[in-house]
């Protein structure tokens, strides 16, 4: 049986040492494993890579306080999944609606690059999250980037070769789950136009259509 997530987890030595170092240099930072955020009874589970140094690692909320969250939260707001278009801090009052956000790796990795053993170690937590999430019919998973995509499949015991990552790809998985892929909404991807706002919104349009959500977009 997989263990449930805990903010006291210190199982990955490299990540533990790095977080301790970050905390010493930034005493006001959260600098711990970051829990999932959002509606427990959601129809959409968004899976990112890992907390950002000055984002979730600082604030304690996924995709909050750094560049990566700008496109994500503005898009969530536009499609009715968020009460606000900008996520600033855990105390800003923002609420997710029918949506939940987590990461493949819960701790900040050096260089934002988790090692394979760290992804595997943390995958047990993701497996529990997906199993709890998948209890109802018609649930959607959105993987932001290749690492999140592969971690999602690993958590479900599925082979990556059978479901290759590709922006805009859609896969029907066991347990009435549908997996959607998107490039990660990182600063690099958005500034290089590898991922544009239109491309990202097209993914959400498909999600909303397939979940039969009556969404009136804002803006």
N, C-alpha and C. Protein backbone atom coordinates (compact mmCIF):
# COMPACT_ATOMS: atom_id res chain seq x y z
N UNK A 1 0.85 -1.21 0.00
CA UNK A 1 0.00 0.00 0.00
C UNK A 1 0.88 1.25 0.00
N UNK A 2 0.59 2.18 -0.88
CA UNK A 2 1.37 3.40 -0.98
C UNK A 2 1.06 4.34 0.17
N UNK A 3 2.08 5.11 0.57
CA UNK A 3 1.91 6.05 1.67
C UNK A 3 1.27 7.34 1.16
N UNK A 4 0.47 7.97 2.03
CA UNK A 4 -0.09 9.27 1.69
C UNK A 4 0.99 10.34 1.86
N UNK A 5 0.84 11.40 1.11
CA UNK A 5 1.80 12.49 1.14
C UNK A 5 1.91 13.12 2.52
N UNK A 6 3.15 13.52 2.87
CA UNK A 6 3.39 14.22 4.13
C UNK A 6 4.40 15.34 3.89
N UNK A 7 4.15 16.51 4.46
CA UNK A 7 5.08 17.63 4.30
C UNK A 7 6.35 17.41 5.11
N UNK A 8 6.38 16.35 5.91
CA UNK A 8 7.57 16.03 6.71
C UNK A 8 8.47 15.01 6.00
N UNK A 9 8.11 14.60 4.78
CA UNK A 9 8.89 13.60 4.05
C UNK A 9 10.33 14.09 3.84
N UNK A 10 11.30 13.20 4.14
CA UNK A 10 12.72 13.51 3.95
C UNK A 10 13.44 12.26 3.41
N UNK A 11 12.81 11.62 2.45
CA UNK A 11 13.32 10.34 1.96
C UNK A 11 14.39 10.46 0.88
N UNK A 12 14.47 11.60 0.22
CA UNK A 12 15.46 11.77 -0.86
C UNK A 12 16.62 12.62 -0.35
N UNK A 13 17.76 11.99 -0.10
CA UNK A 13 18.88 12.67 0.56
C UNK A 13 19.33 13.93 -0.18
N UNK A 14 19.45 13.87 -1.49
CA UNK A 14 19.91 15.02 -2.26
C UNK A 14 18.95 16.19 -2.12
N UNK A 15 17.65 15.91 -2.18
CA UNK A 15 16.65 16.96 -2.07
C UNK A 15 16.58 17.52 -0.65
N UNK A 16 16.74 16.65 0.33
CA UNK A 16 16.72 17.09 1.73
C UNK A 16 17.87 18.07 1.99
N UNK A 17 19.06 17.71 1.53
CA UNK A 17 20.23 18.57 1.73
C UNK A 17 20.05 19.91 1.01
N UNK A 18 19.49 19.85 -0.19
CA UNK A 18 19.30 21.08 -0.96
C UNK A 18 18.26 21.99 -0.29
N UNK A 19 17.15 21.41 0.17
CA UNK A 19 16.12 22.20 0.83
C UNK A 19 16.64 22.82 2.13
N UNK A 20 17.44 22.07 2.86
CA UNK A 20 18.03 22.61 4.09
C UNK A 20 18.94 23.81 3.78
N UNK A 21 19.67 23.69 2.69
CA UNK A 21 20.55 24.78 2.28
C UNK A 21 19.73 26.01 1.86
N UNK A 22 18.66 25.77 1.10
CA UNK A 22 17.79 26.86 0.65
C UNK A 22 17.14 27.54 1.86
N UNK A 23 16.68 26.74 2.80
CA UNK A 23 16.03 27.29 3.99
C UNK A 23 16.99 28.14 4.81
N UNK A 24 18.24 27.72 4.88
CA UNK A 24 19.24 28.50 5.62
C UNK A 24 19.48 29.85 4.95
N UNK A 25 19.44 29.86 3.62
CA UNK A 25 19.67 31.11 2.89
C UNK A 25 18.43 31.97 2.79
N UNK A 26 17.25 31.33 2.88
CA UNK A 26 15.97 32.04 2.79
C UNK A 26 15.06 31.56 3.93
N UNK A 27 15.28 32.04 5.13
CA UNK A 27 14.51 31.56 6.29
C UNK A 27 13.00 31.74 6.17
N UNK A 28 12.56 32.70 5.35
CA UNK A 28 11.14 32.97 5.21
C UNK A 28 10.48 32.10 4.13
N UNK A 29 11.26 31.28 3.43
CA UNK A 29 10.70 30.41 2.39
C UNK A 29 10.04 29.19 3.03
N UNK A 30 9.04 28.64 2.34
CA UNK A 30 8.37 27.42 2.77
C UNK A 30 9.38 26.26 2.81
N UNK A 31 10.06 26.01 1.71
CA UNK A 31 11.19 25.07 1.62
C UNK A 31 10.92 23.71 2.25
N UNK A 32 9.80 23.11 1.89
CA UNK A 32 9.43 21.76 2.31
C UNK A 32 8.70 21.09 1.16
N UNK A 33 8.36 19.81 1.29
CA UNK A 33 7.53 19.20 0.26
C UNK A 33 6.21 19.96 0.12
N UNK A 34 5.84 20.26 -1.12
CA UNK A 34 4.65 21.10 -1.38
C UNK A 34 3.42 20.21 -1.63
N UNK A 35 2.36 20.39 -0.85
CA UNK A 35 1.15 19.58 -1.04
C UNK A 35 0.35 20.02 -2.26
N UNK A 36 -0.53 19.15 -2.69
CA UNK A 36 -1.46 19.49 -3.78
C UNK A 36 -2.39 20.60 -3.31
N UNK A 37 -2.99 21.28 -4.28
CA UNK A 37 -3.88 22.41 -3.98
C UNK A 37 -5.12 22.31 -4.83
N UNK A 38 -6.29 22.51 -4.20
CA UNK A 38 -7.52 22.57 -4.97
C UNK A 38 -8.63 21.69 -4.46
N UNK A 39 -9.65 21.59 -5.26
CA UNK A 39 -10.89 20.89 -4.95
C UNK A 39 -10.66 19.39 -4.84
N UNK A 40 -11.00 18.81 -3.68
CA UNK A 40 -10.84 17.36 -3.48
C UNK A 40 -11.79 16.56 -4.36
N UNK A 41 -12.90 17.17 -4.77
CA UNK A 41 -13.89 16.48 -5.60
C UNK A 41 -13.83 16.99 -7.03
N UNK A 42 -12.64 17.23 -7.51
CA UNK A 42 -12.47 17.83 -8.83
C UNK A 42 -12.62 16.81 -9.95
N UNK A 43 -12.83 17.34 -11.16
CA UNK A 43 -12.86 16.51 -12.36
C UNK A 43 -11.55 16.62 -13.15
N UNK A 44 -10.71 17.58 -12.76
CA UNK A 44 -9.45 17.81 -13.47
C UNK A 44 -8.29 17.85 -12.48
N UNK A 45 -7.30 16.99 -12.71
CA UNK A 45 -6.08 16.98 -11.90
C UNK A 45 -4.92 17.38 -12.81
N UNK A 46 -4.29 18.50 -12.48
CA UNK A 46 -3.16 19.02 -13.25
C UNK A 46 -1.86 18.60 -12.57
N UNK A 47 -0.95 18.03 -13.34
CA UNK A 47 0.31 17.51 -12.79
C UNK A 47 1.47 18.27 -13.40
N UNK A 48 2.21 18.98 -12.55
CA UNK A 48 3.39 19.70 -12.99
C UNK A 48 4.66 18.91 -12.73
N UNK A 49 5.79 19.57 -12.88
CA UNK A 49 7.08 18.90 -12.69
C UNK A 49 7.48 18.87 -11.22
N UNK A 50 7.79 20.05 -10.66
CA UNK A 50 8.27 20.17 -9.29
C UNK A 50 8.13 21.63 -8.86
N UNK A 51 8.19 21.91 -7.56
CA UNK A 51 8.12 23.30 -7.11
C UNK A 51 9.24 24.15 -7.68
N UNK A 52 8.93 25.40 -8.02
CA UNK A 52 9.95 26.34 -8.49
C UNK A 52 10.65 26.98 -7.31
N UNK A 53 11.89 27.34 -7.50
CA UNK A 53 12.72 27.90 -6.43
C UNK A 53 12.04 29.08 -5.73
N UNK A 54 11.59 30.06 -6.51
CA UNK A 54 10.99 31.25 -5.93
C UNK A 54 9.48 31.28 -6.11
N UNK A 55 8.92 30.12 -6.47
CA UNK A 55 7.48 30.00 -6.62
C UNK A 55 6.91 29.15 -5.50
N UNK A 56 6.53 27.91 -5.82
CA UNK A 56 5.93 27.03 -4.81
C UNK A 56 6.87 26.74 -3.65
N UNK A 57 8.17 26.67 -3.92
CA UNK A 57 9.12 26.44 -2.84
C UNK A 57 9.14 27.61 -1.85
N UNK A 58 8.80 28.79 -2.33
CA UNK A 58 8.73 29.98 -1.47
C UNK A 58 7.38 30.11 -0.79
N UNK A 59 6.30 29.86 -1.55
CA UNK A 59 4.95 30.15 -1.06
C UNK A 59 4.24 28.94 -0.45
N UNK A 60 4.62 27.72 -0.87
CA UNK A 60 3.95 26.53 -0.37
C UNK A 60 2.71 26.14 -1.14
N UNK A 61 2.44 26.79 -2.27
CA UNK A 61 1.31 26.44 -3.13
C UNK A 61 1.82 26.21 -4.55
N UNK A 62 1.39 25.12 -5.22
CA UNK A 62 1.86 24.84 -6.57
C UNK A 62 1.67 26.01 -7.54
N UNK A 63 2.72 26.32 -8.32
CA UNK A 63 2.66 27.33 -9.38
C UNK A 63 2.27 28.71 -8.85
N UNK A 64 2.68 29.03 -7.65
CA UNK A 64 2.28 30.30 -7.04
C UNK A 64 3.49 31.16 -6.72
N UNK A 65 3.49 32.38 -7.28
CA UNK A 65 4.54 33.33 -6.96
C UNK A 65 5.69 33.39 -7.93
N UNK A 66 5.60 32.66 -9.03
CA UNK A 66 6.67 32.75 -10.03
C UNK A 66 6.08 32.78 -11.44
N UNK A 67 6.94 32.86 -12.42
CA UNK A 67 6.52 33.05 -13.82
C UNK A 67 5.69 31.87 -14.32
N UNK A 68 6.02 30.66 -13.91
CA UNK A 68 5.33 29.48 -14.43
C UNK A 68 3.84 29.49 -14.15
N UNK A 69 3.44 30.16 -13.07
CA UNK A 69 2.02 30.16 -12.73
C UNK A 69 1.20 31.21 -13.45
N UNK A 70 1.85 32.15 -14.13
CA UNK A 70 1.11 33.24 -14.77
C UNK A 70 0.13 32.72 -15.81
N UNK A 71 0.63 31.94 -16.76
CA UNK A 71 -0.24 31.41 -17.81
C UNK A 71 -1.21 30.38 -17.25
N UNK A 72 -0.75 29.55 -16.32
CA UNK A 72 -1.63 28.51 -15.79
C UNK A 72 -2.85 29.10 -15.09
N UNK A 73 -2.63 30.00 -14.14
CA UNK A 73 -3.77 30.52 -13.38
C UNK A 73 -4.66 31.44 -14.20
N UNK A 74 -4.08 32.18 -15.13
CA UNK A 74 -4.93 33.03 -15.97
C UNK A 74 -5.82 32.18 -16.87
N UNK A 75 -5.29 31.04 -17.31
CA UNK A 75 -6.08 30.13 -18.14
C UNK A 75 -7.15 29.42 -17.31
N UNK A 76 -6.78 29.00 -16.11
CA UNK A 76 -7.77 28.38 -15.22
C UNK A 76 -8.92 29.34 -14.94
N UNK A 77 -8.59 30.59 -14.71
CA UNK A 77 -9.61 31.60 -14.45
C UNK A 77 -10.51 31.79 -15.68
N UNK A 78 -9.91 31.84 -16.84
CA UNK A 78 -10.67 32.06 -18.08
C UNK A 78 -11.68 30.94 -18.32
N UNK A 79 -11.32 29.71 -17.91
CA UNK A 79 -12.20 28.57 -18.15
C UNK A 79 -13.03 28.19 -16.92
N UNK A 80 -13.03 29.05 -15.92
CA UNK A 80 -13.89 28.84 -14.76
C UNK A 80 -13.38 27.90 -13.71
N UNK A 81 -12.09 27.54 -13.77
CA UNK A 81 -11.52 26.63 -12.79
C UNK A 81 -10.89 27.35 -11.59
N UNK A 82 -10.79 28.66 -11.65
CA UNK A 82 -10.18 29.43 -10.57
C UNK A 82 -10.99 30.68 -10.29
N UNK A 83 -11.00 31.09 -9.03
CA UNK A 83 -11.74 32.29 -8.63
C UNK A 83 -10.98 33.57 -8.94
N UNK A 84 -9.67 33.46 -9.19
CA UNK A 84 -8.84 34.62 -9.50
C UNK A 84 -7.91 34.27 -10.66
N UNK A 85 -7.46 35.29 -11.38
CA UNK A 85 -6.58 35.03 -12.52
C UNK A 85 -5.11 35.06 -12.16
N UNK A 86 -4.78 35.37 -10.90
CA UNK A 86 -3.39 35.42 -10.49
C UNK A 86 -3.25 34.79 -9.11
N UNK A 87 -2.28 33.90 -8.97
CA UNK A 87 -2.00 33.25 -7.69
C UNK A 87 -0.74 33.86 -7.10
N UNK A 88 -0.88 34.54 -5.96
CA UNK A 88 0.22 35.29 -5.38
C UNK A 88 0.78 34.62 -4.14
N UNK A 89 -0.11 34.19 -3.24
CA UNK A 89 0.33 33.57 -2.00
C UNK A 89 -0.78 32.67 -1.46
N UNK A 90 -0.47 31.87 -0.46
CA UNK A 90 -1.46 30.97 0.13
C UNK A 90 -2.58 31.74 0.83
N UNK A 91 -2.35 32.99 1.12
CA UNK A 91 -3.33 33.79 1.85
C UNK A 91 -4.08 34.77 0.95
N UNK A 92 -4.01 34.59 -0.37
CA UNK A 92 -4.63 35.55 -1.28
C UNK A 92 -6.12 35.29 -1.53
N UNK A 93 -6.65 34.22 -0.95
CA UNK A 93 -8.07 33.93 -1.09
C UNK A 93 -8.46 33.18 -2.33
N UNK A 94 -7.52 32.89 -3.22
CA UNK A 94 -7.83 32.18 -4.46
C UNK A 94 -8.34 30.77 -4.15
N UNK A 95 -9.36 30.35 -4.89
CA UNK A 95 -9.90 29.01 -4.77
C UNK A 95 -9.99 28.37 -6.15
N UNK A 96 -9.69 27.09 -6.22
CA UNK A 96 -9.87 26.34 -7.46
C UNK A 96 -11.25 25.71 -7.45
N UNK A 97 -11.84 25.61 -8.64
CA UNK A 97 -13.21 25.13 -8.79
C UNK A 97 -13.21 23.92 -9.71
N UNK A 98 -13.49 22.74 -9.16
CA UNK A 98 -13.50 21.53 -9.97
C UNK A 98 -12.14 21.16 -10.51
N UNK A 99 -11.09 21.61 -9.85
CA UNK A 99 -9.73 21.44 -10.35
C UNK A 99 -8.77 21.27 -9.17
N UNK A 100 -7.71 20.52 -9.39
CA UNK A 100 -6.69 20.30 -8.36
C UNK A 100 -5.32 20.30 -9.04
N UNK A 101 -4.31 20.83 -8.37
CA UNK A 101 -2.96 20.92 -8.94
C UNK A 101 -1.96 20.22 -8.03
N UNK A 102 -1.10 19.41 -8.61
CA UNK A 102 -0.05 18.74 -7.86
C UNK A 102 1.21 18.71 -8.71
N UNK A 103 2.27 18.08 -8.20
CA UNK A 103 3.52 17.95 -8.95
C UNK A 103 4.01 16.50 -8.93
N UNK A 104 4.74 16.13 -9.95
CA UNK A 104 5.32 14.80 -10.00
C UNK A 104 6.32 14.60 -8.88
N UNK A 105 7.08 15.65 -8.58
CA UNK A 105 8.05 15.66 -7.47
C UNK A 105 7.66 16.79 -6.54
N UNK A 106 7.54 16.49 -5.27
CA UNK A 106 6.98 17.46 -4.32
C UNK A 106 8.01 18.45 -3.77
N UNK A 107 9.29 18.15 -3.93
CA UNK A 107 10.34 19.02 -3.39
C UNK A 107 11.11 19.71 -4.51
N UNK A 108 11.61 20.89 -4.20
CA UNK A 108 12.45 21.63 -5.14
C UNK A 108 13.73 20.86 -5.45
N UNK A 109 13.98 20.53 -6.72
CA UNK A 109 15.24 19.86 -7.08
C UNK A 109 16.28 20.87 -7.56
N UNK A 110 17.56 20.61 -7.34
CA UNK A 110 18.60 21.52 -7.86
C UNK A 110 18.47 21.67 -9.38
N UNK A 111 18.53 22.91 -9.85
CA UNK A 111 18.43 23.16 -11.28
C UNK A 111 17.08 22.80 -11.86
N UNK A 112 16.08 22.60 -11.00
CA UNK A 112 14.74 22.19 -11.42
C UNK A 112 14.76 20.88 -12.20
N UNK A 113 15.74 20.01 -11.89
CA UNK A 113 15.88 18.74 -12.60
C UNK A 113 15.95 17.60 -11.61
N UNK A 114 14.81 16.97 -11.32
CA UNK A 114 14.83 15.81 -10.41
C UNK A 114 15.51 14.62 -11.07
N UNK A 115 16.18 13.81 -10.27
CA UNK A 115 16.82 12.61 -10.78
C UNK A 115 15.79 11.48 -10.86
N UNK A 116 16.04 10.48 -11.72
CA UNK A 116 15.08 9.39 -11.90
C UNK A 116 14.66 8.70 -10.59
N UNK A 117 15.62 8.49 -9.68
CA UNK A 117 15.28 7.83 -8.42
C UNK A 117 14.37 8.70 -7.55
N UNK A 118 14.50 10.03 -7.68
CA UNK A 118 13.65 10.94 -6.92
C UNK A 118 12.22 10.94 -7.47
N UNK A 119 12.12 10.85 -8.79
CA UNK A 119 10.80 10.76 -9.42
C UNK A 119 10.11 9.46 -8.99
N UNK A 120 10.87 8.37 -8.97
CA UNK A 120 10.31 7.08 -8.55
C UNK A 120 9.90 7.11 -7.08
N UNK A 121 10.75 7.70 -6.24
CA UNK A 121 10.46 7.75 -4.81
C UNK A 121 9.18 8.53 -4.54
N UNK A 122 9.01 9.63 -5.24
CA UNK A 122 7.84 10.49 -5.03
C UNK A 122 6.60 9.96 -5.74
N UNK A 123 6.79 8.99 -6.62
CA UNK A 123 5.67 8.52 -7.42
C UNK A 123 4.60 7.83 -6.61
N UNK A 124 4.99 7.29 -5.45
CA UNK A 124 4.00 6.66 -4.59
C UNK A 124 2.95 7.65 -4.13
N UNK A 125 3.38 8.89 -3.85
CA UNK A 125 2.44 9.93 -3.45
C UNK A 125 1.49 10.27 -4.60
N UNK A 126 2.05 10.38 -5.80
CA UNK A 126 1.22 10.70 -6.96
C UNK A 126 0.23 9.57 -7.24
N UNK A 127 0.67 8.34 -7.02
CA UNK A 127 -0.21 7.19 -7.23
C UNK A 127 -1.43 7.25 -6.32
N UNK A 128 -1.21 7.62 -5.06
CA UNK A 128 -2.32 7.76 -4.12
C UNK A 128 -3.24 8.90 -4.53
N UNK A 129 -2.65 10.02 -4.96
CA UNK A 129 -3.45 11.17 -5.39
C UNK A 129 -4.34 10.81 -6.57
N UNK A 130 -3.78 10.11 -7.55
CA UNK A 130 -4.55 9.75 -8.73
C UNK A 130 -5.62 8.72 -8.38
N UNK A 131 -5.28 7.76 -7.52
CA UNK A 131 -6.24 6.73 -7.12
C UNK A 131 -7.44 7.36 -6.41
N UNK A 132 -7.18 8.33 -5.55
CA UNK A 132 -8.26 9.02 -4.84
C UNK A 132 -9.09 9.85 -5.81
N UNK A 133 -8.41 10.51 -6.71
CA UNK A 133 -9.04 11.37 -7.70
C UNK A 133 -9.92 10.57 -8.66
N UNK A 134 -9.48 9.35 -8.99
CA UNK A 134 -10.14 8.55 -10.03
C UNK A 134 -11.36 7.79 -9.53
N UNK A 135 -11.81 8.09 -8.32
CA UNK A 135 -12.93 7.36 -7.74
C UNK A 135 -14.23 7.55 -8.51
N UNK A 136 -14.37 8.68 -9.20
CA UNK A 136 -15.60 8.95 -9.94
C UNK A 136 -15.43 8.79 -11.43
N UNK A 137 -16.53 8.84 -12.16
CA UNK A 137 -16.51 8.71 -13.61
C UNK A 137 -16.09 10.02 -14.28
N UNK A 138 -15.47 9.90 -15.45
CA UNK A 138 -15.17 11.06 -16.27
C UNK A 138 -14.20 12.04 -15.64
N UNK A 139 -13.01 11.60 -15.37
CA UNK A 139 -11.99 12.44 -14.78
C UNK A 139 -10.88 12.69 -15.80
N UNK A 140 -10.29 13.89 -15.76
CA UNK A 140 -9.23 14.26 -16.70
C UNK A 140 -7.93 14.54 -15.96
N UNK A 141 -6.84 14.05 -16.52
CA UNK A 141 -5.50 14.35 -16.04
C UNK A 141 -4.82 15.22 -17.08
N UNK A 142 -4.19 16.30 -16.64
CA UNK A 142 -3.43 17.16 -17.54
C UNK A 142 -1.98 17.14 -17.11
N UNK A 143 -1.12 16.58 -17.95
CA UNK A 143 0.31 16.50 -17.66
C UNK A 143 1.02 17.66 -18.33
N UNK A 144 1.73 18.46 -17.52
CA UNK A 144 2.48 19.60 -18.04
C UNK A 144 3.94 19.19 -18.24
N UNK A 145 4.24 18.74 -19.44
CA UNK A 145 5.60 18.34 -19.77
C UNK A 145 5.83 16.84 -19.71
N UNK A 146 6.98 16.43 -20.26
CA UNK A 146 7.30 15.01 -20.38
C UNK A 146 7.46 14.31 -19.04
N UNK A 147 8.12 14.96 -18.08
CA UNK A 147 8.34 14.34 -16.77
C UNK A 147 7.01 14.05 -16.09
N UNK A 148 6.11 15.03 -16.10
CA UNK A 148 4.80 14.83 -15.49
C UNK A 148 4.02 13.74 -16.21
N UNK A 149 4.11 13.71 -17.52
CA UNK A 149 3.44 12.70 -18.34
C UNK A 149 3.90 11.30 -17.95
N UNK A 150 5.21 11.11 -17.90
CA UNK A 150 5.76 9.79 -17.57
C UNK A 150 5.49 9.41 -16.12
N UNK A 151 5.52 10.39 -15.23
CA UNK A 151 5.23 10.12 -13.81
C UNK A 151 3.79 9.68 -13.64
N UNK A 152 2.89 10.29 -14.40
CA UNK A 152 1.48 9.92 -14.35
C UNK A 152 1.29 8.47 -14.78
N UNK A 153 1.91 8.11 -15.89
CA UNK A 153 1.80 6.73 -16.38
C UNK A 153 2.43 5.75 -15.41
N UNK A 154 3.56 6.11 -14.82
CA UNK A 154 4.22 5.27 -13.83
C UNK A 154 3.30 5.03 -12.64
N UNK A 155 2.62 6.08 -12.20
CA UNK A 155 1.72 5.96 -11.05
C UNK A 155 0.55 5.03 -11.34
N UNK A 156 0.20 4.92 -12.60
CA UNK A 156 -0.91 4.05 -13.01
C UNK A 156 -0.44 2.67 -13.46
N UNK A 157 0.89 2.45 -13.42
CA UNK A 157 1.43 1.16 -13.84
C UNK A 157 1.36 0.93 -15.34
N UNK A 158 1.40 2.03 -16.11
CA UNK A 158 1.33 1.94 -17.57
C UNK A 158 2.68 2.25 -18.20
N UNK A 159 2.92 1.72 -19.39
CA UNK A 159 4.20 1.91 -20.07
C UNK A 159 4.18 3.17 -20.93
N UNK A 160 5.26 3.96 -20.81
CA UNK A 160 5.35 5.22 -21.55
C UNK A 160 5.35 5.00 -23.06
N UNK A 161 5.92 3.88 -23.50
CA UNK A 161 6.00 3.62 -24.94
C UNK A 161 4.61 3.52 -25.57
N UNK A 162 3.65 3.10 -24.80
CA UNK A 162 2.29 2.94 -25.32
C UNK A 162 1.56 4.28 -25.40
N UNK A 163 2.09 5.27 -24.68
CA UNK A 163 1.45 6.59 -24.62
C UNK A 163 2.52 7.68 -24.73
N UNK A 164 3.09 7.89 -25.91
CA UNK A 164 4.16 8.88 -26.05
C UNK A 164 3.67 10.30 -25.80
N UNK A 165 4.53 11.11 -25.17
CA UNK A 165 4.16 12.50 -24.90
C UNK A 165 4.12 13.32 -26.18
N UNK A 166 3.16 14.22 -26.24
CA UNK A 166 3.08 15.16 -27.36
C UNK A 166 2.10 16.26 -27.00
N UNK A 167 2.47 17.48 -27.23
CA UNK A 167 1.56 18.58 -26.90
C UNK A 167 0.24 18.40 -27.65
N UNK A 168 -0.86 18.45 -26.90
CA UNK A 168 -2.18 18.28 -27.49
C UNK A 168 -2.64 16.84 -27.58
N UNK A 169 -1.77 15.90 -27.19
CA UNK A 169 -2.16 14.49 -27.25
C UNK A 169 -3.23 14.18 -26.21
N UNK A 170 -4.10 13.24 -26.54
CA UNK A 170 -5.18 12.81 -25.65
C UNK A 170 -5.19 11.28 -25.63
N UNK A 171 -5.19 10.71 -24.42
CA UNK A 171 -5.19 9.26 -24.28
C UNK A 171 -6.29 8.81 -23.33
N UNK A 172 -7.01 7.77 -23.73
CA UNK A 172 -7.98 7.14 -22.85
C UNK A 172 -7.26 6.09 -22.03
N UNK A 173 -7.32 6.23 -20.71
CA UNK A 173 -6.62 5.34 -19.79
C UNK A 173 -7.63 4.49 -19.02
N UNK A 174 -7.14 3.46 -18.30
CA UNK A 174 -8.05 2.68 -17.46
C UNK A 174 -8.71 3.55 -16.38
N UNK A 175 -9.73 3.01 -15.74
CA UNK A 175 -10.43 3.68 -14.63
C UNK A 175 -11.15 4.96 -15.07
N UNK A 176 -11.61 4.99 -16.31
CA UNK A 176 -12.37 6.13 -16.83
C UNK A 176 -11.59 7.43 -16.80
N UNK A 177 -10.27 7.33 -16.90
CA UNK A 177 -9.41 8.51 -16.92
C UNK A 177 -9.03 8.88 -18.35
N UNK A 178 -8.91 10.18 -18.59
CA UNK A 178 -8.40 10.66 -19.87
C UNK A 178 -7.19 11.53 -19.59
N UNK A 179 -6.08 11.24 -20.27
CA UNK A 179 -4.84 11.98 -20.07
C UNK A 179 -4.64 12.97 -21.22
N UNK A 180 -4.43 14.23 -20.85
CA UNK A 180 -4.15 15.29 -21.81
C UNK A 180 -2.72 15.76 -21.59
N UNK A 181 -2.03 16.05 -22.69
CA UNK A 181 -0.65 16.53 -22.62
C UNK A 181 -0.54 17.98 -23.06
N UNK A 182 0.33 18.72 -22.38
CA UNK A 182 0.68 20.07 -22.81
C UNK A 182 2.14 20.32 -22.48
N UNK A 183 2.78 21.15 -23.29
CA UNK A 183 4.09 21.63 -22.90
C UNK A 183 3.95 22.34 -21.56
N UNK A 184 4.99 22.30 -20.77
CA UNK A 184 4.99 22.97 -19.48
C UNK A 184 4.93 24.48 -19.68
N UNK A 185 4.19 25.15 -18.78
CA UNK A 185 4.03 26.61 -18.90
C UNK A 185 5.19 27.35 -18.22
N UNK A 186 6.39 26.94 -18.52
CA UNK A 186 7.60 27.54 -17.95
C UNK A 186 7.94 28.84 -18.66
N UNK A 187 8.79 29.63 -18.05
CA UNK A 187 9.24 30.88 -18.67
C UNK A 187 9.90 30.60 -20.02
N UNK A 188 10.74 29.57 -20.07
CA UNK A 188 11.45 29.26 -21.31
C UNK A 188 10.46 28.93 -22.43
N UNK A 189 9.49 28.05 -22.14
CA UNK A 189 8.54 27.63 -23.18
C UNK A 189 7.65 28.77 -23.66
N UNK A 190 7.23 29.63 -22.76
CA UNK A 190 6.33 30.71 -23.17
C UNK A 190 7.09 31.84 -23.87
N UNK A 191 8.29 32.14 -23.40
CA UNK A 191 9.05 33.23 -24.02
C UNK A 191 9.59 32.84 -25.39
N UNK A 192 9.87 31.55 -25.60
CA UNK A 192 10.34 31.09 -26.91
C UNK A 192 9.19 30.76 -27.84
N UNK A 193 7.95 30.91 -27.33
CA UNK A 193 6.74 30.63 -28.10
C UNK A 193 6.56 29.15 -28.42
N UNK A 194 7.32 28.31 -27.73
CA UNK A 194 7.05 26.88 -27.87
C UNK A 194 5.64 26.58 -27.38
N UNK A 195 5.24 27.32 -26.35
CA UNK A 195 3.88 27.25 -25.85
C UNK A 195 3.29 28.66 -25.82
N UNK A 196 2.24 28.87 -26.57
CA UNK A 196 1.55 30.16 -26.57
C UNK A 196 0.26 30.05 -25.76
N UNK A 197 -0.30 31.19 -25.40
CA UNK A 197 -1.57 31.20 -24.67
C UNK A 197 -2.65 30.49 -25.48
N UNK A 198 -2.67 30.70 -26.78
CA UNK A 198 -3.67 30.06 -27.63
C UNK A 198 -3.52 28.55 -27.61
N UNK A 199 -2.28 28.06 -27.70
CA UNK A 199 -2.04 26.62 -27.67
C UNK A 199 -2.51 26.02 -26.35
N UNK A 200 -2.23 26.73 -25.27
CA UNK A 200 -2.61 26.24 -23.94
C UNK A 200 -4.13 26.23 -23.80
N UNK A 201 -4.78 27.28 -24.27
CA UNK A 201 -6.23 27.36 -24.18
C UNK A 201 -6.92 26.30 -25.02
N UNK A 202 -6.31 25.91 -26.13
CA UNK A 202 -6.89 24.87 -26.98
C UNK A 202 -6.94 23.53 -26.24
N UNK A 203 -5.94 23.28 -25.39
CA UNK A 203 -5.94 22.07 -24.57
C UNK A 203 -7.11 22.11 -23.60
N UNK A 204 -7.32 23.25 -22.96
CA UNK A 204 -8.42 23.39 -22.00
C UNK A 204 -9.78 23.34 -22.69
N UNK A 205 -9.86 23.82 -23.90
CA UNK A 205 -11.11 23.73 -24.65
C UNK A 205 -11.49 22.26 -24.86
N UNK A 206 -10.50 21.44 -25.18
CA UNK A 206 -10.76 20.01 -25.38
C UNK A 206 -11.16 19.35 -24.07
N UNK A 207 -10.49 19.72 -22.99
CA UNK A 207 -10.82 19.15 -21.68
C UNK A 207 -12.26 19.48 -21.30
N UNK A 208 -12.62 20.74 -21.43
CA UNK A 208 -13.97 21.17 -21.06
C UNK A 208 -15.02 20.51 -21.94
N UNK A 209 -14.73 20.36 -23.22
CA UNK A 209 -15.67 19.74 -24.14
C UNK A 209 -15.89 18.26 -23.78
N UNK A 210 -14.78 17.59 -23.48
CA UNK A 210 -14.88 16.16 -23.19
C UNK A 210 -15.46 15.87 -21.81
N UNK A 211 -15.31 16.82 -20.89
CA UNK A 211 -15.92 16.67 -19.57
C UNK A 211 -17.35 17.21 -19.56
N UNK A 212 -17.79 17.71 -20.70
CA UNK A 212 -19.14 18.27 -20.84
C UNK A 212 -19.39 19.36 -19.83
N UNK A 213 -18.38 20.22 -19.65
CA UNK A 213 -18.51 21.35 -18.74
C UNK A 213 -19.06 22.55 -19.50
N UNK A 214 -20.05 23.18 -18.93
CA UNK A 214 -20.66 24.36 -19.54
C UNK A 214 -19.87 25.59 -19.07
N UNK A 215 -18.75 25.84 -19.70
CA UNK A 215 -17.85 26.91 -19.28
C UNK A 215 -18.04 28.13 -20.16
N UNK A 216 -18.25 29.26 -19.52
CA UNK A 216 -18.27 30.52 -20.24
C UNK A 216 -16.94 31.22 -19.96
N UNK A 217 -16.10 31.28 -20.96
CA UNK A 217 -14.78 31.84 -20.76
C UNK A 217 -14.85 33.31 -20.43
N UNK A 218 -13.90 33.77 -19.61
CA UNK A 218 -13.81 35.16 -19.19
C UNK A 218 -12.76 35.88 -20.02
N UNK A 219 -13.01 37.07 -20.42
CA UNK A 219 -12.02 37.85 -21.13
C UNK A 219 -11.93 37.51 -22.60
